[in-house]
Amino acid sequence: MVLSVKQKLAKALAVAGDAYTLDDILHEIEEGRMQSFAEGESWVVTQIIDFPRKRYLEIVFAIGNLDELKGIYPRLEQFARDNLCDGMRAFGRQGWMRQFEIDRAGWVETTRTYIKEF
């Protein structure tokens, strides 16, 4: 079964805990709090996260064609460097990095995210 872009987006947002709707994301991009990177039928949304001692470009979600996502990756890294980020971070299911097959040098799995909702 081939998923539509809308289905892929719904799945990505669900995996991220349904913390955002598409309207939320578009509003955050419009306000400059999130960034949009697109190529073909693929889309990556990021946000800069500032901590007291680190600044990261966080990949909120990535959907689309693997080859197109690989093409977006260098733009993400350059954007992070241009914005004085100390690095990048992403959350994904176990084994996700093996599928992405990008330059994984420097990427380390540090934790898994657990959420308890009330």
PDB file of N, CA and C in Angstrom:
ATOM      1  N   MET A   1       0.840  -1.182   0.000  1.00  0.00           N
ATOM      2  CA  MET A   1       0.000   0.000   0.000  1.00  0.00           C
ATOM      3  C   MET A   1       0.880   1.240   0.000  1.00  0.00           C
ATOM      4  N   VAL A   2       0.645   2.146  -0.923  1.00  0.00           N
ATOM      5  CA  VAL A   2       1.379   3.395  -1.014  1.00  0.00           C
ATOM      6  C   VAL A   2       0.581   4.470  -0.281  1.00  0.00           C
ATOM      7  N   LEU A   3       1.244   5.130   0.654  1.00  0.00           N
ATOM      8  CA  LEU A   3       0.580   6.180   1.425  1.00  0.00           C
ATOM      9  C   LEU A   3       0.646   7.506   0.684  1.00  0.00           C
ATOM     10  N   SER A   4      -0.411   8.288   0.774  1.00  0.00           N
ATOM     11  CA  SER A   4      -0.408   9.637   0.212  1.00  0.00           C
ATOM     12  C   SER A   4       0.416  10.544   1.120  1.00  0.00           C
ATOM     13  N   VAL A   5       0.764  11.721   0.622  1.00  0.00           N
ATOM     14  CA  VAL A   5       1.506  12.688   1.425  1.00  0.00           C
ATOM     15  C   VAL A   5       0.716  13.021   2.691  1.00  0.00           C
ATOM     16  N   LYS A   6      -0.583  13.177   2.551  1.00  0.00           N
ATOM     17  CA  LYS A   6      -1.425  13.497   3.705  1.00  0.00           C
ATOM     18  C   LYS A   6      -1.386  12.360   4.730  1.00  0.00           C
ATOM     19  N   GLN A   7      -1.408  11.109   4.269  1.00  0.00           N
ATOM     20  CA  GLN A   7      -1.340   9.963   5.174  1.00  0.00           C
ATOM     21  C   GLN A   7       0.033   9.878   5.845  1.00  0.00           C
ATOM     22  N   LYS A   8       1.095  10.152   5.078  1.00  0.00           N
ATOM     23  CA  LYS A   8       2.445  10.137   5.645  1.00  0.00           C
ATOM     24  C   LYS A   8       2.584  11.209   6.723  1.00  0.00           C
ATOM     25  N   LEU A   9       2.030  12.379   6.452  1.00  0.00           N
ATOM     26  CA  LEU A   9       2.085  13.465   7.433  1.00  0.00           C
ATOM     27  C   LEU A   9       1.308  13.092   8.689  1.00  0.00           C
ATOM     28  N   ALA A  10       0.124  12.538   8.524  1.00  0.00           N
ATOM     29  CA  ALA A  10      -0.687  12.128   9.684  1.00  0.00           C
ATOM     30  C   ALA A  10       0.063  11.093  10.510  1.00  0.00           C
ATOM     31  N   LYS A  11       0.723  10.156   9.840  1.00  0.00           N
ATOM     32  CA  LYS A  11       1.484   9.120  10.547  1.00  0.00           C
ATOM     33  C   LYS A  11       2.667   9.741  11.293  1.00  0.00           C
ATOM     34  N   ALA A  12       3.391  10.653  10.644  1.00  0.00           N
ATOM     35  CA  ALA A  12       4.538  11.301  11.283  1.00  0.00           C
ATOM     36  C   ALA A  12       4.107  12.102  12.508  1.00  0.00           C
ATOM     37  N   LEU A  13       3.003  12.816  12.396  1.00  0.00           N
ATOM     38  CA  LEU A  13       2.509  13.608  13.526  1.00  0.00           C
ATOM     39  C   LEU A  13       2.041  12.707  14.663  1.00  0.00           C
ATOM     40  N   ALA A  14       1.448  11.565  14.327  1.00  0.00           N
ATOM     41  CA  ALA A  14       1.010  10.617  15.361  1.00  0.00           C
ATOM     42  C   ALA A  14       2.206  10.028  16.090  1.00  0.00           C
ATOM     43  N   VAL A  15       3.246   9.658  15.341  1.00  0.00           N
ATOM     44  CA  VAL A  15       4.454   9.106  15.955  1.00  0.00           C
ATOM     45  C   VAL A  15       5.100  10.144  16.873  1.00  0.00           C
ATOM     46  N   ALA A  16       4.977  11.408  16.516  1.00  0.00           N
ATOM     47  CA  ALA A  16       5.532  12.490  17.337  1.00  0.00           C
ATOM     48  C   ALA A  16       4.621  12.835  18.511  1.00  0.00           C
ATOM     49  N   GLY A  17       3.608  12.017  18.757  1.00  0.00           N
ATOM     50  CA  GLY A  17       2.749  12.210  19.921  1.00  0.00           C
ATOM     51  C   GLY A  17       1.574  13.135  19.696  1.00  0.00           C
ATOM     52  N   ASP A  18       1.256  13.410  18.440  1.00  0.00           N
ATOM     53  CA  ASP A  18       0.154  14.328  18.122  1.00  0.00           C
ATOM     54  C   ASP A  18       0.301  15.666  18.838  1.00  0.00           C
ATOM     55  N   ALA A  19       1.539  16.116  18.993  1.00  0.00           N
ATOM     56  CA  ALA A  19       1.810  17.397  19.645  1.00  0.00           C
ATOM     57  C   ALA A  19       1.483  18.577  18.733  1.00  0.00           C
ATOM     58  N   TYR A  20       1.388  18.325  17.440  1.00  0.00           N
ATOM     59  CA  TYR A  20       1.113  19.371  16.458  1.00  0.00           C
ATOM     60  C   TYR A  20       0.056  18.905  15.469  1.00  0.00           C
ATOM     61  N   THR A  21      -0.663  19.856  14.924  1.00  0.00           N
ATOM     62  CA  THR A  21      -1.484  19.630  13.741  1.00  0.00           C
ATOM     63  C   THR A  21      -0.760  20.289  12.571  1.00  0.00           C
ATOM     64  N   LEU A  22      -1.215  20.032  11.366  1.00  0.00           N
ATOM     65  CA  LEU A  22      -0.625  20.705  10.212  1.00  0.00           C
ATOM     66  C   LEU A  22      -0.769  22.211  10.351  1.00  0.00           C
ATOM     67  N   ASP A  23      -1.926  22.687  10.798  1.00  0.00           N
ATOM     68  CA  ASP A  23      -2.125  24.129  10.982  1.00  0.00           C
ATOM     69  C   ASP A  23      -1.142  24.704  11.996  1.00  0.00           C
ATOM     70  N   ASP A  24      -0.884  23.954  13.084  1.00  0.00           N
ATOM     71  CA  ASP A  24       0.092  24.403  14.085  1.00  0.00           C
ATOM     72  C   ASP A  24       1.466  24.585  13.443  1.00  0.00           C
ATOM     73  N   ILE A  25       1.858  23.608  12.659  1.00  0.00           N
ATOM     74  CA  ILE A  25       3.180  23.647  12.037  1.00  0.00           C
ATOM     75  C   ILE A  25       3.282  24.806  11.049  1.00  0.00           C
ATOM     76  N   LEU A  26       2.264  24.977  10.226  1.00  0.00           N
ATOM     77  CA  LEU A  26       2.283  26.081   9.259  1.00  0.00           C
ATOM     78  C   LEU A  26       2.352  27.426   9.974  1.00  0.00           C
ATOM     79  N   HIS A  27       1.645  27.546  11.088  1.00  0.00           N
ATOM     80  CA  HIS A  27       1.688  28.790  11.880  1.00  0.00           C
ATOM     81  C   HIS A  27       3.098  29.018  12.444  1.00  0.00           C
ATOM     82  N   GLU A  28       3.719  27.960  12.980  1.00  0.00           N
ATOM     83  CA  GLU A  28       5.066  28.081  13.538  1.00  0.00           C
ATOM     84  C   GLU A  28       6.079  28.459  12.454  1.00  0.00           C
ATOM     85  N   ILE A  29       5.915  27.910  11.256  1.00  0.00           N
ATOM     86  CA  ILE A  29       6.802  28.264  10.140  1.00  0.00           C
ATOM     87  C   ILE A  29       6.583  29.723   9.767  1.00  0.00           C
ATOM     88  N   GLU A  30       5.340  30.132   9.665  1.00  0.00           N
ATOM     89  CA  GLU A  30       5.017  31.523   9.321  1.00  0.00           C
ATOM     90  C   GLU A  30       5.596  32.499  10.347  1.00  0.00           C
ATOM     91  N   GLU A  31       5.582  32.118  11.610  1.00  0.00           N
ATOM     92  CA  GLU A  31       6.096  32.978  12.686  1.00  0.00           C
ATOM     93  C   GLU A  31       7.618  32.886  12.826  1.00  0.00           C
ATOM     94  N   GLY A  32       8.253  31.980  12.079  1.00  0.00           N
ATOM     95  CA  GLY A  32       9.704  31.854  12.111  1.00  0.00           C
ATOM     96  C   GLY A  32      10.239  30.966  13.222  1.00  0.00           C
ATOM     97  N   ARG A  33       9.372  30.266  13.928  1.00  0.00           N
ATOM     98  CA  ARG A  33       9.815  29.386  15.010  1.00  0.00           C
ATOM     99  C   ARG A  33      10.142  27.975  14.521  1.00  0.00           C
ATOM    100  N   MET A  34       9.685  27.627  13.332  1.00  0.00           N
ATOM    101  CA  MET A  34      10.042  26.369  12.683  1.00  0.00           C
ATOM    102  C   MET A  34      10.500  26.687  11.270  1.00  0.00           C
ATOM    103  N   GLN A  35      11.219  25.734  10.681  1.00  0.00           N
ATOM    104  CA  GLN A  35      11.731  25.920   9.333  1.00  0.00           C
ATOM    105  C   GLN A  35      11.239  24.771   8.456  1.00  0.00           C
ATOM    106  N   SER A  36      11.058  25.077   7.180  1.00  0.00           N
ATOM    107  CA  SER A  36      10.547  24.113   6.215  1.00  0.00           C
ATOM    108  C   SER A  36      11.590  23.885   5.128  1.00  0.00           C
ATOM    109  N   PHE A  37      11.871  22.622   4.851  1.00  0.00           N
ATOM    110  CA  PHE A  37      12.782  22.225   3.787  1.00  0.00           C
ATOM    111  C   PHE A  37      12.057  21.202   2.925  1.00  0.00           C
ATOM    112  N   ALA A  38      11.889  21.500   1.654  1.00  0.00           N
ATOM    113  CA  ALA A  38      11.138  20.601   0.781  1.00  0.00           C
ATOM    114  C   ALA A  38      11.921  20.328  -0.497  1.00  0.00           C
ATOM    115  N   GLU A  39      11.689  19.143  -1.027  1.00  0.00           N
ATOM    116  CA  GLU A  39      12.246  18.758  -2.317  1.00  0.00           C
ATOM    117  C   GLU A  39      11.322  17.706  -2.909  1.00  0.00           C
ATOM    118  N   GLY A  40      10.800  17.988  -4.094  1.00  0.00           N
ATOM    119  CA  GLY A  40       9.876  17.050  -4.721  1.00  0.00           C
ATOM    120  C   GLY A  40       8.665  16.820  -3.840  1.00  0.00           C
ATOM    121  N   GLU A  41       8.430  15.562  -3.475  1.00  0.00           N
ATOM    122  CA  GLU A  41       7.302  15.212  -2.612  1.00  0.00           C
ATOM    123  C   GLU A  41       7.740  14.967  -1.170  1.00  0.00           C
ATOM    124  N   SER A  42       8.897  15.476  -0.811  1.00  0.00           N
ATOM    125  CA  SER A  42       9.437  15.256   0.526  1.00  0.00           C
ATOM    126  C   SER A  42       9.506  16.562   1.293  1.00  0.00           C
ATOM    127  N   TRP A  43       9.352  16.442   2.613  1.00  0.00           N
ATOM    128  CA  TRP A  43       9.278  17.631   3.463  1.00  0.00           C
ATOM    129  C   TRP A  43       9.915  17.330   4.804  1.00  0.00           C
ATOM    130  N   VAL A  44      10.771  18.238   5.245  1.00  0.00           N
ATOM    131  CA  VAL A  44      11.384  18.158   6.566  1.00  0.00           C
ATOM    132  C   VAL A  44      11.070  19.461   7.288  1.00  0.00           C
ATOM    133  N   VAL A  45      10.624  19.343   8.530  1.00  0.00           N
ATOM    134  CA  VAL A  45      10.353  20.508   9.367  1.00  0.00           C
ATOM    135  C   VAL A  45      11.312  20.448  10.550  1.00  0.00           C
ATOM    136  N   THR A  46      11.939  21.580  10.834  1.00  0.00           N
ATOM    137  CA  THR A  46      12.902  21.666  11.924  1.00  0.00           C
ATOM    138  C   THR A  46      12.548  22.817  12.855  1.00  0.00           C
ATOM    139  N   GLN A  47      13.208  22.817  14.008  1.00  0.00           N
ATOM    140  CA  GLN A  47      13.133  23.966  14.911  1.00  0.00           C
ATOM    141  C   GLN A  47      14.449  24.046  15.665  1.00  0.00           C
ATOM    142  N   ILE A  48      14.848  25.247  15.990  1.00  0.00           N
ATOM    143  CA  ILE A  48      16.062  25.436  16.778  1.00  0.00           C
ATOM    144  C   ILE A  48      15.663  25.398  18.245  1.00  0.00           C
ATOM    145  N   ILE A  49      16.367  24.560  18.997  1.00  0.00           N
ATOM    146  CA  ILE A  49      16.116  24.399  20.423  1.00  0.00           C
ATOM    147  C   ILE A  49      17.329  24.934  21.178  1.00  0.00           C
ATOM    148  N   ASP A  50      17.092  25.912  22.047  1.00  0.00           N
ATOM    149  CA  ASP A  50      18.161  26.465  22.867  1.00  0.00           C
ATOM    150  C   ASP A  50      18.078  25.925  24.286  1.00  0.00           C
ATOM    151  N   PHE A  51      19.183  25.370  24.738  1.00  0.00           N
ATOM    152  CA  PHE A  51      19.349  24.929  26.110  1.00  0.00           C
ATOM    153  C   PHE A  51      20.377  25.859  26.748  1.00  0.00           C
ATOM    154  N   PRO A  52      20.529  25.828  28.052  1.00  0.00           N
ATOM    155  CA  PRO A  52      21.510  26.730  28.668  1.00  0.00           C
ATOM    156  C   PRO A  52      22.921  26.589  28.098  1.00  0.00           C
ATOM    157  N   ARG A  53      23.302  25.384  27.672  1.00  0.00           N
ATOM    158  CA  ARG A  53      24.677  25.194  27.206  1.00  0.00           C
ATOM    159  C   ARG A  53      24.801  24.644  25.794  1.00  0.00           C
ATOM    160  N   LYS A  54      23.702  24.414  25.142  1.00  0.00           N
ATOM    161  CA  LYS A  54      23.740  23.857  23.784  1.00  0.00           C
ATOM    162  C   LYS A  54      22.616  24.439  22.953  1.00  0.00           C
ATOM    163  N   ARG A  55      22.844  24.448  21.655  1.00  0.00           N
ATOM    164  CA  ARG A  55      21.832  24.858  20.680  1.00  0.00           C
ATOM    165  C   ARG A  55      21.787  23.775  19.608  1.00  0.00           C
ATOM    166  N   TYR A  56      20.593  23.230  19.379  1.00  0.00           N
ATOM    167  CA  TYR A  56      20.434  22.154  18.405  1.00  0.00           C
ATOM    168  C   TYR A  56      19.398  22.519  17.353  1.00  0.00           C
ATOM    169  N   LEU A  57      19.633  22.044  16.141  1.00  0.00           N
ATOM    170  CA  LEU A  57      18.589  22.031  15.138  1.00  0.00           C
ATOM    171  C   LEU A  57      17.900  20.688  15.282  1.00  0.00           C
ATOM    172  N   GLU A  58      16.644  20.726  15.673  1.00  0.00           N
ATOM    173  CA  GLU A  58      15.880  19.498  15.899  1.00  0.00           C
ATOM    174  C   GLU A  58      15.009  19.212  14.689  1.00  0.00           C
ATOM    175  N   ILE A  59      15.082  17.985  14.196  1.00  0.00           N
ATOM    176  CA  ILE A  59      14.216  17.562  13.106  1.00  0.00           C
ATOM    177  C   ILE A  59      12.891  17.155  13.736  1.00  0.00           C
ATOM    178  N   VAL A  60      11.849  17.927  13.471  1.00  0.00           N
ATOM    179  CA  VAL A  60      10.529  17.653  14.036  1.00  0.00           C
ATOM    180  C   VAL A  60       9.927  16.449  13.332  1.00  0.00           C
ATOM    181  N   PHE A  61       9.985  16.436  12.007  1.00  0.00           N
ATOM    182  CA  PHE A  61       9.590  15.264  11.238  1.00  0.00           C
ATOM    183  C   PHE A  61      10.152  15.352   9.834  1.00  0.00           C
ATOM    184  N   ALA A  62      10.227  14.197   9.204  1.00  0.00           N
ATOM    185  CA  ALA A  62      10.674  14.093   7.818  1.00  0.00           C
ATOM    186  C   ALA A  62       9.770  13.073   7.138  1.00  0.00           C
ATOM    187  N   ILE A  63       9.178  13.476   6.030  1.00  0.00           N
ATOM    188  CA  ILE A  63       8.317  12.561   5.271  1.00  0.00           C
ATOM    189  C   ILE A  63       8.690  12.623   3.804  1.00  0.00           C
ATOM    190  N   GLY A  64       8.424  11.535   3.105  1.00  0.00           N
ATOM    191  CA  GLY A  64       8.605  11.549   1.664  1.00  0.00           C
ATOM    192  C   GLY A  64       9.500  10.447   1.160  1.00  0.00           C
ATOM    193  N   ASN A  65      10.132  10.732   0.049  1.00  0.00           N
ATOM    194  CA  ASN A  65      10.979   9.806  -0.681  1.00  0.00           C
ATOM    195  C   ASN A  65      12.381   9.818  -0.087  1.00  0.00           C
ATOM    196  N   LEU A  66      12.933   8.653   0.177  1.00  0.00           N
ATOM    197  CA  LEU A  66      14.236   8.550   0.820  1.00  0.00           C
ATOM    198  C   LEU A  66      15.326   9.273   0.039  1.00  0.00           C
ATOM    199  N   ASP A  67      15.335   9.138  -1.277  1.00  0.00           N
ATOM    200  CA  ASP A  67      16.358   9.811  -2.084  1.00  0.00           C
ATOM    201  C   ASP A  67      16.230  11.327  -1.976  1.00  0.00           C
ATOM    202  N   GLU A  68      14.995  11.835  -1.977  1.00  0.00           N
ATOM    203  CA  GLU A  68      14.801  13.280  -1.829  1.00  0.00           C
ATOM    204  C   GLU A  68      15.215  13.746  -0.436  1.00  0.00           C
ATOM    205  N   LEU A  69      14.919  12.944   0.583  1.00  0.00           N
ATOM    206  CA  LEU A  69      15.322  13.301   1.948  1.00  0.00           C
ATOM    207  C   LEU A  69      16.844  13.360   2.058  1.00  0.00           C
ATOM    208  N   LYS A  70      17.521  12.446   1.378  1.00  0.00           N
ATOM    209  CA  LYS A  70      18.988  12.487   1.358  1.00  0.00           C
ATOM    210  C   LYS A  70      19.475  13.791   0.740  1.00  0.00           C
ATOM    211  N   GLY A  71      18.749  14.279  -0.269  1.00  0.00           N
ATOM    212  CA  GLY A  71      19.116  15.544  -0.907  1.00  0.00           C
ATOM    213  C   GLY A  71      18.890  16.749  -0.007  1.00  0.00           C
ATOM    214  N   ILE A  72      17.926  16.662   0.892  1.00  0.00           N
ATOM    215  CA  ILE A  72      17.635  17.752   1.819  1.00  0.00           C
ATOM    216  C   ILE A  72      18.663  17.807   2.946  1.00  0.00           C
ATOM    217  N   TYR A  73      19.186  16.659   3.342  1.00  0.00           N
ATOM    218  CA  TYR A  73      20.052  16.575   4.510  1.00  0.00           C
ATOM    219  C   TYR A  73      21.198  17.601   4.522  1.00  0.00           C
ATOM    220  N   PRO A  74      21.970  17.766   3.435  1.00  0.00           N
ATOM    221  CA  PRO A  74      23.068  18.753   3.486  1.00  0.00           C
ATOM    222  C   PRO A  74      22.552  20.175   3.764  1.00  0.00           C
ATOM    223  N   ARG A  75      21.369  20.499   3.283  1.00  0.00           N
ATOM    224  CA  ARG A  75      20.792  21.822   3.557  1.00  0.00           C
ATOM    225  C   ARG A  75      20.475  21.979   5.037  1.00  0.00           C
ATOM    226  N   LEU A  76      20.010  20.900   5.676  1.00  0.00           N
ATOM    227  CA  LEU A  76      19.726  20.948   7.104  1.00  0.00           C
ATOM    228  C   LEU A  76      21.005  21.212   7.889  1.00  0.00           C
ATOM    229  N   GLU A  77      22.040  20.464   7.555  1.00  0.00           N
ATOM    230  CA  GLU A  77      23.304  20.623   8.271  1.00  0.00           C
ATOM    231  C   GLU A  77      23.875  22.022   8.062  1.00  0.00           C
ATOM    232  N   GLN A  78      23.794  22.540   6.855  1.00  0.00           N
ATOM    233  CA  GLN A  78      24.312  23.884   6.603  1.00  0.00           C
ATOM    234  C   GLN A  78      23.487  24.929   7.349  1.00  0.00           C
ATOM    235  N   PHE A  79      22.171  24.775   7.374  1.00  0.00           N
ATOM    236  CA  PHE A  79      21.308  25.689   8.117  1.00  0.00           C
ATOM    237  C   PHE A  79      21.689  25.681   9.598  1.00  0.00           C
ATOM    238  N   ALA A  80      21.932  24.497  10.153  1.00  0.00           N
ATOM    239  CA  ALA A  80      22.328  24.391  11.558  1.00  0.00           C
ATOM    240  C   ALA A  80      23.644  25.129  11.805  1.00  0.00           C
ATOM    241  N   ARG A  81      24.609  24.920  10.936  1.00  0.00           N
ATOM    242  CA  ARG A  81      25.908  25.591  11.088  1.00  0.00           C
ATOM    243  C   ARG A  81      25.758  27.109  10.939  1.00  0.00           C
ATOM    244  N   ASP A  82      24.976  27.538   9.952  1.00  0.00           N
ATOM    245  CA  ASP A  82      24.773  28.974   9.731  1.00  0.00           C
ATOM    246  C   ASP A  82      24.094  29.651  10.917  1.00  0.00           C
ATOM    247  N   ASN A  83      23.322  28.887  11.680  1.00  0.00           N
ATOM    248  CA  ASN A  83      22.604  29.430  12.831  1.00  0.00           C
ATOM    249  C   ASN A  83      23.287  29.095  14.154  1.00  0.00           C
ATOM    250  N   LEU A  84      24.585  28.793  14.060  1.00  0.00           N
ATOM    251  CA  LEU A  84      25.437  28.583  15.226  1.00  0.00           C
ATOM    252  C   LEU A  84      24.946  27.491  16.163  1.00  0.00           C
ATOM    253  N   CYS A  85      24.340  26.451  15.582  1.00  0.00           N
ATOM    254  CA  CYS A  85      23.917  25.304  16.378  1.00  0.00           C
ATOM    255  C   CYS A  85      25.135  24.454  16.717  1.00  0.00           C
ATOM    256  N   ASP A  86      25.083  23.841  17.886  1.00  0.00           N
ATOM    257  CA  ASP A  86      26.145  22.930  18.306  1.00  0.00           C
ATOM    258  C   ASP A  86      25.999  21.567  17.654  1.00  0.00           C
ATOM    259  N   GLY A  87      24.832  21.292  17.107  1.00  0.00           N
ATOM    260  CA  GLY A  87      24.586  20.013  16.464  1.00  0.00           C
ATOM    261  C   GLY A  87      23.139  19.894  16.043  1.00  0.00           C
ATOM    262  N   MET A  88      22.790  18.692  15.672  1.00  0.00           N
ATOM    263  CA  MET A  88      21.427  18.395  15.255  1.00  0.00           C
ATOM    264  C   MET A  88      20.917  17.242  16.095  1.00  0.00           C
ATOM    265  N   ARG A  89      19.598  17.167  16.260  1.00  0.00           N
ATOM    266  CA  ARG A  89      19.022  16.013  16.941  1.00  0.00           C
ATOM    267  C   ARG A  89      17.720  15.636  16.269  1.00  0.00           C
ATOM    268  N   ALA A  90      17.410  14.368  16.375  1.00  0.00           N
ATOM    269  CA  ALA A  90      16.199  13.848  15.756  1.00  0.00           C
ATOM    270  C   ALA A  90      15.674  12.705  16.606  1.00  0.00           C
ATOM    271  N   PHE A  91      14.397  12.510  16.578  1.00  0.00           N
ATOM    272  CA  PHE A  91      13.760  11.394  17.259  1.00  0.00           C
ATOM    273  C   PHE A  91      13.178  10.486  16.194  1.00  0.00           C
ATOM    274  N   GLY A  92      13.344   9.215  16.361  1.00  0.00           N
ATOM    275  CA  GLY A  92      12.812   8.283  15.377  1.00  0.00           C
ATOM    276  C   GLY A  92      12.700   6.898  15.962  1.00  0.00           C
ATOM    277  N   ARG A  93      12.026   6.057  15.237  1.00  0.00           N
ATOM    278  CA  ARG A  93      11.863   4.683  15.702  1.00  0.00           C
ATOM    279  C   ARG A  93      13.204   3.953  15.629  1.00  0.00           C
ATOM    280  N   GLN A  94      13.313   2.860  16.374  1.00  0.00           N
ATOM    281  CA  GLN A  94      14.524   2.066  16.379  1.00  0.00           C
ATOM    282  C   GLN A  94      14.847   1.613  14.960  1.00  0.00           C
ATOM    283  N   GLY A  95      16.089   1.744  14.576  1.00  0.00           N
ATOM    284  CA  GLY A  95      16.518   1.333  13.248  1.00  0.00           C
ATOM    285  C   GLY A  95      16.353   2.393  12.169  1.00  0.00           C
ATOM    286  N   TRP A  96      15.811   3.550  12.522  1.00  0.00           N
ATOM    287  CA  TRP A  96      15.543   4.598  11.541  1.00  0.00           C
ATOM    288  C   TRP A  96      16.803   5.047  10.823  1.00  0.00           C
ATOM    289  N   MET A  97      17.894   5.236  11.545  1.00  0.00           N
ATOM    290  CA  MET A  97      19.122   5.728  10.913  1.00  0.00           C
ATOM    291  C   MET A  97      19.663   4.743   9.880  1.00  0.00           C
ATOM    292  N   ARG A  98      19.485   3.446  10.124  1.00  0.00           N
ATOM    293  CA  ARG A  98      19.947   2.467   9.129  1.00  0.00           C
ATOM    294  C   ARG A  98      19.203   2.658   7.814  1.00  0.00           C
ATOM    295  N   GLN A  99      17.940   2.995   7.884  1.00  0.00           N
ATOM    296  CA  GLN A  99      17.139   3.193   6.681  1.00  0.00           C
ATOM    297  C   GLN A  99      17.522   4.472   5.952  1.00  0.00           C
ATOM    298  N   PHE A 100      17.937   5.475   6.695  1.00  0.00           N
ATOM    299  CA  PHE A 100      18.195   6.778   6.093  1.00  0.00           C
ATOM    300  C   PHE A 100      19.474   6.786   5.274  1.00  0.00           C
ATOM    301  N   GLU A 101      20.429   5.950   5.606  1.00  0.00           N
ATOM    302  CA  GLU A 101      21.657   5.761   4.838  1.00  0.00           C
ATOM    303  C   GLU A 101      22.333   7.056   4.420  1.00  0.00           C
ATOM    304  N   ILE A 102      22.289   8.061   5.277  1.00  0.00           N
ATOM    305  CA  ILE A 102      23.019   9.297   4.995  1.00  0.00           C
ATOM    306  C   ILE A 102      24.389   9.187   5.645  1.00  0.00           C
ATOM    307  N   ASP A 103      25.144  10.222   5.558  1.00  0.00           N
ATOM    308  CA  ASP A 103      26.422  10.243   6.257  1.00  0.00           C
ATOM    309  C   ASP A 103      26.119  10.211   7.744  1.00  0.00           C
ATOM    310  N   ARG A 104      26.248   9.033   8.336  1.00  0.00           N
ATOM    311  CA  ARG A 104      25.893   8.868   9.748  1.00  0.00           C
ATOM    312  C   ARG A 104      27.045   9.200  10.673  1.00  0.00           C
ATOM    313  N   ALA A 105      28.165   9.617  10.128  1.00  0.00           N
ATOM    314  CA  ALA A 105      29.305   9.947  10.974  1.00  0.00           C
ATOM    315  C   ALA A 105      28.886  11.016  11.974  1.00  0.00           C
ATOM    316  N   GLY A 106      29.113  10.714  13.224  1.00  0.00           N
ATOM    317  CA  GLY A 106      28.797  11.670  14.271  1.00  0.00           C
ATOM    318  C   GLY A 106      27.423  11.487  14.894  1.00  0.00           C
ATOM    319  N   TRP A 107      26.530  10.770  14.236  1.00  0.00           N
ATOM    320  CA  TRP A 107      25.206  10.515  14.802  1.00  0.00           C
ATOM    321  C   TRP A 107      25.311   9.350  15.769  1.00  0.00           C
ATOM    322  N   VAL A 108      24.790   9.531  16.964  1.00  0.00           N
ATOM    323  CA  VAL A 108      24.822   8.507  17.996  1.00  0.00           C
ATOM    324  C   VAL A 108      23.435   8.386  18.609  1.00  0.00           C
ATOM    325  N   GLU A 109      22.962   7.154  18.761  1.00  0.00           N
ATOM    326  CA  GLU A 109      21.695   6.962  19.462  1.00  0.00           C
ATOM    327  C   GLU A 109      21.973   7.134  20.948  1.00  0.00           C
ATOM    328  N   THR A 110      21.346   8.133  21.553  1.00  0.00           N
ATOM    329  CA  THR A 110      21.613   8.438  22.953  1.00  0.00           C
ATOM    330  C   THR A 110      20.492   8.018  23.871  1.00  0.00           C
ATOM    331  N   THR A 111      19.282   7.988  23.371  1.00  0.00           N
ATOM    332  CA  THR A 111      18.145   7.708  24.233  1.00  0.00           C
ATOM    333  C   THR A 111      16.942   7.337  23.397  1.00  0.00           C
ATOM    334  N   ARG A 112      15.966   6.819  24.044  1.00  0.00           N
ATOM    335  CA  ARG A 112      14.654   6.641  23.429  1.00  0.00           C
ATOM    336  C   ARG A 112      13.697   7.521  24.206  1.00  0.00           C
ATOM    337  N   THR A 113      12.666   7.946  23.577  1.00  0.00           N
ATOM    338  CA  THR A 113      11.719   8.834  24.225  1.00  0.00           C
ATOM    339  C   THR A 113      10.526   8.035  24.729  1.00  0.00           C
ATOM    340  N   TYR A 114      10.189   8.249  25.973  1.00  0.00           N
ATOM    341  CA  TYR A 114       9.014   7.624  26.579  1.00  0.00           C
ATOM    342  C   TYR A 114       8.088   8.750  27.001  1.00  0.00           C
ATOM    343  N   ILE A 115       6.814   8.594  26.723  1.00  0.00           N
ATOM    344  CA  ILE A 115       5.833   9.620  27.054  1.00  0.00           C
ATOM    345  C   ILE A 115       4.713   8.991  27.856  1.00  0.00           C
ATOM    346  N   LYS A 116       4.341   9.656  28.943  1.00  0.00           N
ATOM    347  CA  LYS A 116       3.170   9.255  29.712  1.00  0.00           C
ATOM    348  C   LYS A 116       2.208  10.425  29.662  1.00  0.00           C
ATOM    349  N   GLU A 117       1.061  10.183  29.078  1.00  0.00           N
ATOM    350  CA  GLU A 117       0.084  11.253  28.952  1.00  0.00           C
ATOM    351  C   GLU A 117      -0.973  11.121  30.035  1.00  0.00           C
ATOM    352  N   PHE A 118      -1.548  12.235  30.416  1.00  0.00           N
ATOM    353  CA  PHE A 118      -2.606  12.272  31.436  1.00  0.00           C
ATOM    354  C   PHE A 118      -3.911  12.701  30.827  1.00  0.00           C
TER     355      PHE A 118
END
